Protein backbone atom coordinates (compact mmCIF):
# COMPACT_ATOMS: atom_id res chain seq x y z
CA MET A 1 0.00 0.00 0.00
CA THR A 2 1.33 3.40 -0.96
CA SER A 3 0.12 6.36 1.05
CA SER A 4 0.98 9.99 1.40
CA ALA A 5 -0.27 12.94 3.33
CA ARG A 6 0.54 16.55 3.90
CA PRO A 7 -0.40 18.83 6.79
CA SER A 8 -3.89 20.26 6.51
CA PRO A 9 -3.93 23.91 5.46
CA ALA A 10 -4.48 26.36 8.30
CA ALA A 11 -7.00 28.41 6.37
CA ALA A 12 -10.63 28.21 7.42
CA PRO A 13 -12.89 26.06 5.23
CA SER A 14 -14.72 27.77 2.44
CA GLY A 15 -18.35 28.71 2.94
CA ASP A 16 -19.38 25.99 0.50
CA THR A 17 -17.57 23.32 2.48
CA ALA A 18 -18.73 24.68 5.82
CA ARG A 19 -22.38 24.42 4.76
CA ARG A 20 -22.00 20.69 4.09
CA SER A 21 -22.28 18.38 7.06
CA ASP A 22 -23.13 15.14 5.27
CA LYS A 23 -20.33 12.77 4.41
CA ARG A 24 -19.94 12.24 0.69
CA VAL A 25 -17.77 10.67 -2.00
CA LEU A 26 -16.67 12.47 -5.14
CA LEU A 27 -16.26 9.78 -7.80
CA ALA A 28 -13.98 10.67 -10.71
CA ALA A 29 -15.04 10.18 -14.30
CA PRO A 30 -13.20 9.06 -16.29
CA ARG A 31 -11.40 6.47 -14.16
CA GLY A 32 -10.31 2.86 -14.46
CA TYR A 33 -9.78 0.89 -17.65
CA CYS A 34 -8.41 2.72 -20.65
CA ALA A 35 -8.82 1.42 -24.20
CA GLY A 36 -5.34 -0.15 -24.26
CA VAL A 37 -5.89 -2.07 -21.01
CA ASP A 38 -9.37 -3.20 -22.06
CA ARG A 39 -7.94 -4.49 -25.34
CA ALA A 40 -5.09 -6.34 -23.61
CA VAL A 41 -7.29 -8.05 -21.02
CA ILE A 42 -9.86 -9.09 -23.64
CA ALA A 43 -6.99 -10.37 -25.80
CA VAL A 44 -5.88 -12.79 -23.06
CA GLU A 45 -9.45 -13.97 -22.50
CA LYS A 46 -10.03 -14.47 -26.24
CA ALA A 47 -6.75 -16.34 -26.63
CA LEU A 48 -7.73 -18.70 -23.82
CA GLU A 49 -11.11 -19.27 -25.49
CA GLN A 50 -9.52 -19.72 -28.90
CA TYR A 51 -6.57 -21.93 -28.04
CA GLY A 52 -7.27 -23.23 -24.54
CA ALA A 53 -5.00 -23.03 -21.53
CA PRO A 54 -2.24 -22.38 -21.01
CA VAL A 55 -1.53 -19.10 -22.76
CA TYR A 56 1.77 -17.61 -21.67
CA VAL A 57 2.07 -13.85 -21.13
CA ARG A 58 5.47 -12.14 -20.96
CA HIS A 59 5.31 -9.85 -17.93
CA GLU A 60 2.02 -8.87 -16.34
CA ILE A 61 -0.47 -8.09 -19.10
CA VAL A 62 -1.31 -4.88 -17.19
CA HIS A 63 -0.10 -3.62 -13.82
CA ASN A 64 -2.95 -4.71 -11.59
CA LYS A 65 -2.83 -7.49 -9.01
CA TYR A 66 -6.55 -8.41 -9.25
CA VAL A 67 -6.54 -8.59 -13.06
CA VAL A 68 -3.44 -10.79 -13.13
CA GLN A 69 -4.82 -13.14 -10.45
CA THR A 70 -8.16 -13.40 -12.27
CA LEU A 71 -6.49 -14.29 -15.57
CA GLU A 72 -4.21 -16.81 -13.85
CA LYS A 73 -7.30 -18.63 -12.58
CA LYS A 74 -8.54 -18.85 -16.18
CA GLY A 75 -5.28 -20.42 -17.38
CA ALA A 76 -2.89 -17.59 -18.19
CA ILE A 77 0.72 -18.11 -17.09
CA PHE A 78 2.79 -14.97 -16.56
CA VAL A 79 6.54 -15.20 -17.10
CA GLU A 80 9.38 -12.72 -16.87
CA GLN A 81 11.55 -14.09 -19.67
CA THR A 82 10.79 -15.58 -23.08
CA ALA A 83 13.07 -18.52 -22.21
CA GLU A 84 10.49 -19.61 -19.60
CA VAL A 85 7.91 -20.34 -22.33
CA PRO A 86 8.03 -23.94 -23.62
CA GLU A 87 9.02 -24.20 -27.28
CA GLY A 88 6.07 -24.24 -29.66
CA SER A 89 3.73 -22.55 -27.17
CA ILE A 90 1.64 -19.40 -27.47
CA VAL A 91 3.02 -16.25 -25.86
CA MET A 92 1.39 -12.85 -25.59
CA PHE A 93 3.30 -9.61 -25.17
CA SER A 94 1.87 -7.24 -22.58
CA ALA A 95 0.29 -3.82 -23.10
CA HIS A 96 3.62 -2.18 -22.15
CA GLY A 97 5.38 -3.44 -25.29
CA VAL A 98 8.64 -5.29 -25.82
CA ALA A 99 11.92 -4.66 -27.63
CA PRO A 100 12.64 -6.21 -31.07
CA THR A 101 15.08 -8.61 -29.39
CA VAL A 102 12.13 -10.23 -27.58
CA HIS A 103 10.38 -10.89 -30.90
CA ALA A 104 13.62 -12.48 -32.12
CA GLU A 105 13.84 -14.66 -28.99
CA ALA A 106 10.27 -15.85 -29.55
CA ALA A 107 11.03 -16.74 -33.16
CA GLU A 108 14.07 -18.75 -32.09
CA ARG A 109 11.88 -20.79 -29.74
CA ASN A 110 9.18 -21.31 -32.39
CA LEU A 111 6.62 -19.49 -30.29
CA ALA A 112 3.31 -18.31 -31.69
CA THR A 113 3.13 -14.67 -30.63
CA ILE A 114 0.21 -12.35 -29.96
CA ASP A 115 1.22 -8.71 -29.56
CA ALA A 116 -1.09 -6.90 -27.13
CA THR A 117 1.07 -3.76 -26.98
CA CYS A 118 -1.09 -0.67 -26.51
CA PRO A 119 -1.32 1.14 -29.86
CA LEU A 120 -0.26 4.37 -28.14
CA VAL A 121 2.94 2.68 -26.95
CA THR A 122 3.46 1.32 -30.46
CA LYS A 123 3.23 4.90 -31.71
CA VAL A 124 6.16 5.87 -29.49
CA HIS A 125 8.12 2.85 -30.72
CA LYS A 126 7.60 3.93 -34.32
CA GLU A 127 8.68 7.47 -33.49
CA ALA A 128 11.87 6.10 -31.93
CA VAL A 129 12.64 4.05 -35.02
CA ARG A 130 11.97 6.99 -37.34
CA TYR A 131 14.14 9.46 -35.43
CA ALA A 132 16.93 6.90 -35.08
CA LYS A 133 16.83 6.32 -38.82
CA ASP A 134 17.36 10.07 -39.27
CA ASP A 135 20.30 9.84 -36.82
CA TYR A 136 18.76 11.90 -34.01
CA ASP A 137 19.77 11.56 -30.39
CA ILE A 138 16.54 10.58 -28.62
CA LEU A 139 15.99 11.65 -25.02
CA LEU A 140 13.43 9.26 -23.54
CA ILE A 141 11.71 10.68 -20.46
CA GLY A 142 10.69 7.82 -18.21
CA HIS A 143 11.47 5.65 -15.21
CA GLU A 144 14.40 3.27 -15.34
CA GLY A 145 13.37 -0.38 -15.28
CA HIS A 146 9.76 0.17 -16.33
CA GLU A 147 8.71 -2.38 -18.97
CA GLU A 148 7.56 0.32 -21.37
CA VAL A 149 10.89 2.15 -21.14
CA ILE A 150 12.80 -1.09 -21.72
CA GLY A 151 10.69 -1.86 -24.79
CA THR A 152 11.00 1.62 -26.31
CA SER A 153 14.74 1.80 -25.61
CA GLY A 154 15.17 -1.52 -27.37
CA GLU A 155 13.85 -0.06 -30.62
CA ALA A 156 16.93 2.18 -30.98
CA PRO A 157 19.43 1.40 -28.21
CA ASP A 158 22.30 3.26 -29.87
CA HIS A 159 20.29 6.49 -30.14
CA ILE A 160 18.23 6.59 -26.92
CA THR A 161 19.26 8.13 -23.60
CA LEU A 162 16.93 7.74 -20.62
CA VAL A 163 16.11 10.91 -18.70
CA ASP A 164 14.56 9.97 -15.36
CA GLY A 165 13.15 13.33 -14.24
CA PRO A 166 14.35 16.96 -14.24
CA GLU A 167 17.21 16.20 -11.86
CA ASP A 168 18.69 13.86 -14.47
CA VAL A 169 19.02 16.56 -17.15
CA ALA A 170 22.42 17.77 -15.95
CA ASN A 171 23.91 14.37 -16.80
CA VAL A 172 22.61 14.31 -20.39
CA SER A 173 24.96 14.79 -23.32
CA VAL A 174 24.28 14.51 -27.05
CA ARG A 175 26.40 14.26 -30.17
CA ASP A 176 24.79 17.13 -32.08
CA GLU A 177 22.58 19.70 -30.34
CA SER A 178 20.85 20.47 -33.64
CA LYS A 179 19.59 16.86 -33.93
CA VAL A 180 17.97 15.94 -30.63
CA VAL A 181 14.35 15.00 -29.89
CA TRP A 182 12.42 13.98 -26.77
CA LEU A 183 9.95 11.13 -26.37
CA SER A 184 8.29 9.90 -23.19
CA GLN A 185 6.81 6.96 -21.35
CA THR A 186 3.05 7.17 -21.83
CA THR A 187 2.03 6.79 -18.17
CA LEU A 188 3.93 9.67 -16.57
CA SER A 189 2.58 12.74 -14.85
CA VAL A 190 1.90 15.39 -17.49
CA ASP A 191 3.25 18.14 -15.22
CA GLU A 192 6.38 16.21 -14.30
CA THR A 193 7.10 15.40 -17.94
CA MET A 194 6.76 18.99 -19.08
CA GLU A 195 9.03 20.10 -16.22
CA THR A 196 11.66 17.71 -17.58
CA VAL A 197 11.05 18.92 -21.14
CA ASP A 198 11.49 22.55 -20.04
CA ALA A 199 14.78 21.66 -18.35
CA LEU A 200 15.95 19.85 -21.47
CA LYS A 201 15.00 22.80 -23.68
CA SER A 202 17.01 25.13 -21.45
CA LYS A 203 20.04 22.92 -22.03
CA PHE A 204 19.30 22.10 -25.68
CA PRO A 205 17.43 25.07 -27.27
CA ASN A 206 16.97 23.20 -30.55
CA LEU A 207 15.28 20.23 -28.85
CA LEU A 208 12.58 18.83 -31.13
CA SER A 209 9.22 17.72 -29.75
CA PRO A 210 7.41 14.66 -31.11
CA PRO A 211 4.57 15.33 -33.57
CA SER A 212 2.02 14.67 -30.80
CA ASP A 213 2.25 14.37 -27.02
CA ASP A 214 3.36 10.88 -26.05
CA ILE A 215 1.52 10.85 -22.72
CA CYS A 216 -1.67 8.98 -23.50
CA TYR A 217 -5.15 10.49 -23.44
CA ALA A 218 -6.23 8.24 -20.57
CA THR A 219 -3.31 9.22 -18.35
CA GLN A 220 -4.01 12.91 -18.98
CA ASN A 221 -7.76 12.56 -18.44
CA ARG A 222 -7.34 10.69 -15.16
CA GLN A 223 -4.86 13.26 -13.87
CA ILE A 224 -7.19 16.13 -14.78
CA ALA A 225 -10.01 14.36 -12.95
CA VAL A 226 -7.95 13.77 -9.80
CA LYS A 227 -6.93 17.46 -9.77
CA LYS A 228 -10.63 18.31 -9.75
CA LEU A 229 -11.25 15.95 -6.82
CA ALA A 230 -8.39 17.53 -4.91
CA GLU A 231 -10.15 20.91 -4.97
CA ASP A 232 -12.87 19.69 -2.57
CA ALA A 233 -11.75 16.42 -1.01
CA GLU A 234 -9.89 16.21 2.30
CA LEU A 235 -8.86 12.67 1.36
CA VAL A 236 -8.26 11.15 -2.08
CA ILE A 237 -8.19 7.38 -2.51
CA VAL A 238 -6.65 6.00 -5.70
CA VAL A 239 -7.40 2.35 -6.43
CA GLY A 240 -4.41 0.77 -8.13
CA SER A 241 -1.38 -1.47 -7.67
CA LYS A 242 2.00 -0.36 -6.35
CA ASN A 243 3.71 -1.28 -9.63
CA SER A 244 1.27 0.80 -11.69
CA SER A 245 3.10 3.95 -12.80
CA ASN A 246 -0.04 5.87 -13.74
CA SER A 247 -1.73 5.02 -10.41
CA ILE A 248 1.28 6.18 -8.40
CA ARG A 249 1.37 9.40 -10.41
CA MET A 250 -2.28 10.07 -9.54
CA VAL A 251 -1.49 10.06 -5.83
CA GLU A 252 1.30 12.56 -6.48
CA VAL A 253 -0.94 14.71 -8.67
CA ALA A 254 -3.65 14.79 -5.99
CA LEU A 255 -1.19 16.02 -3.37
CA ASP A 256 0.35 18.57 -5.72
CA ALA A 257 -3.16 19.85 -6.51
CA GLY A 258 -3.83 20.54 -2.83
CA ALA A 259 -5.42 17.39 -1.39
CA PRO A 260 -4.48 17.18 2.32
CA ALA A 261 -4.00 13.41 1.99
CA ALA A 262 -3.93 10.81 -0.79
CA HIS A 263 -3.44 7.05 -0.62
CA LEU A 264 -3.03 4.16 -3.06
CA VAL A 265 -4.80 0.86 -2.33
CA ASP A 266 -5.37 -2.35 -4.27
CA PHE A 267 -8.49 -3.33 -2.36
CA ALA A 268 -10.98 -1.79 0.07
CA ASP A 269 -9.63 -3.78 3.02
CA GLU A 270 -6.33 -1.88 2.72
CA ILE A 271 -8.02 1.39 3.72
CA ASP A 272 -7.13 2.57 7.21
CA GLU A 273 -10.18 3.91 9.05
CA ALA A 274 -7.89 6.46 10.69
CA TRP A 275 -7.63 8.21 7.32
CA LEU A 276 -11.31 9.19 7.65
CA GLU A 277 -10.89 11.10 10.89
CA GLY A 278 -12.28 14.60 10.39
CA VAL A 279 -12.96 13.90 6.70
CA THR A 280 -16.27 15.00 5.21
CA THR A 281 -15.46 14.57 1.51
CA VAL A 282 -13.55 11.61 0.05
CA GLY A 283 -12.35 11.74 -3.55
CA LEU A 284 -12.24 8.34 -5.26
CA THR A 285 -10.63 7.36 -8.54
CA SER A 286 -8.68 4.46 -10.05
CA GLY A 287 -5.74 3.81 -12.32
CA ALA A 288 -6.02 2.92 -15.99
CA SER A 289 -5.58 -0.81 -15.33
CA VAL A 290 -8.21 -1.11 -12.60
CA PRO A 291 -11.59 -2.81 -13.18
CA ASP A 292 -14.66 -1.10 -11.74
CA VAL A 293 -15.40 -4.03 -9.43
CA LEU A 294 -12.55 -2.84 -7.20
CA VAL A 295 -13.90 0.71 -7.10
CA ASP A 296 -17.34 -0.68 -6.26
CA GLY A 297 -15.76 -2.50 -3.32
CA VAL A 298 -14.33 0.77 -2.00
CA LEU A 299 -17.70 2.51 -2.43
CA GLU A 300 -19.38 -0.23 -0.40
CA TRP A 301 -16.69 0.06 2.29
CA LEU A 302 -17.13 3.82 2.49
CA SER A 303 -20.94 3.58 2.48
CA ALA A 304 -20.80 1.26 5.49
CA ARG A 305 -18.96 4.05 7.30
CA GLY A 306 -21.44 6.79 6.47
CA TYR A 307 -20.17 7.94 3.08
CA GLY A 308 -23.24 6.90 1.16
CA ASP A 309 -23.74 10.08 -0.85
CA VAL A 310 -21.85 9.60 -4.12
CA GLU A 311 -21.44 12.44 -6.60
CA THR A 312 -19.79 11.82 -9.97
CA VAL A 313 -17.28 14.46 -11.03
CA LYS A 314 -16.99 14.26 -14.81
CA THR A 315 -14.14 16.05 -16.56
CA ALA A 316 -13.99 14.28 -19.94
CA ASP A 317 -15.76 11.85 -22.25
CA GLU A 318 -13.83 8.83 -23.52
CA SER A 319 -15.01 6.98 -26.61
CA ILE A 320 -11.71 5.58 -27.91
CA THR A 321 -11.58 1.84 -28.57
CA PHE A 322 -8.85 -0.34 -30.06
CA SER A 323 -9.35 -3.47 -32.15
CA LEU A 324 -7.95 -6.78 -30.92
CA PRO A 325 -4.38 -7.77 -31.88
CA LYS A 326 -4.20 -8.75 -35.53
CA GLU A 327 -3.25 -12.35 -34.70
CA LEU A 328 -6.52 -12.85 -32.82
CA ARG A 329 -8.58 -11.01 -35.42
CA ARG A 330 -7.20 -13.28 -38.11
CA ASP A 331 -7.89 -16.49 -36.22
CA LEU A 332 -11.30 -15.32 -35.04
CA ARG A 333 -12.27 -14.48 -38.61
CA ALA A 334 -11.13 -17.94 -39.72
CA GLU A 335 -13.18 -19.54 -36.96
CA ALA A 336 -16.26 -17.49 -37.90
CA ALA A 337 -15.83 -18.42 -41.56
CA ALA A 338 -15.56 -22.12 -40.69
CA LEU A 339 -18.71 -21.96 -38.59
CA GLY A 340 -20.50 -20.25 -41.46
CA THR A 341 -19.83 -23.14 -43.82
CA LYS A 342 -21.28 -25.76 -41.49
């Protein structure tokens, strides 16, 4: 469980807050599953239906403990290395993406691969390949060791330098300051990323920006929503796993936006009742890899403690969907065609 808090401001509560005596929950919208996560989870379920268990998945398909455990019960086997997958088996690559060397390893082991990489991560991979082809130095803003960073770096290892936050900028050097571009991990804090970009631009005035922001729409939308919650909530609860970058960022964003306290939990039973002391308004949201059943569990837990009034705080509409990985679409079409001839 990750939790953070800051001292409550000394200022008197606003008139609007003072007038409210009833306990309430502000529920963020949008929250939870993004299109890339939804696609990846469905891809594992479809593969299990199509081919039967086991289906191997390299790394966690998404960073959520409940989702991984649920898929394991259905027959998915999660591995850290391609070498752990028996030769001739089916392996799926997670939503975070993998480096080209992993595809090569799979081919050497005669593995049937299904690539569930989020299309927005794939976009960053393609940008890395394109800029490397044009001999740019690529400054990749992200967190060392994160699967997405490892995958993107693997697309152009001789051209990419990782920049892990603004404090890392002083250590960055490039070959030609007129040919340098930044890219970023898709799940970072928007504010933190732009702080790093500003620091890089101060050092490299000719720094080129990618054609579109790399931070994904879902990450941005969820951070905007949690900022809105922080305006009125004395406590913000973010449902998400400790290895979920976007969930961790949401806790940080809530605190930076003025929330007196913010905590990250996987499940309702991780909430400490002491957090509720003196709290009238609880803000509730969830990371992009969190199913709504976990949020519902928190709502029930809060309702049992008097926070039964739930108000949805909507800051954006999301209608983006992604089609299933092409390998599944192909096989599903073949199956449908075969059924049609019977």
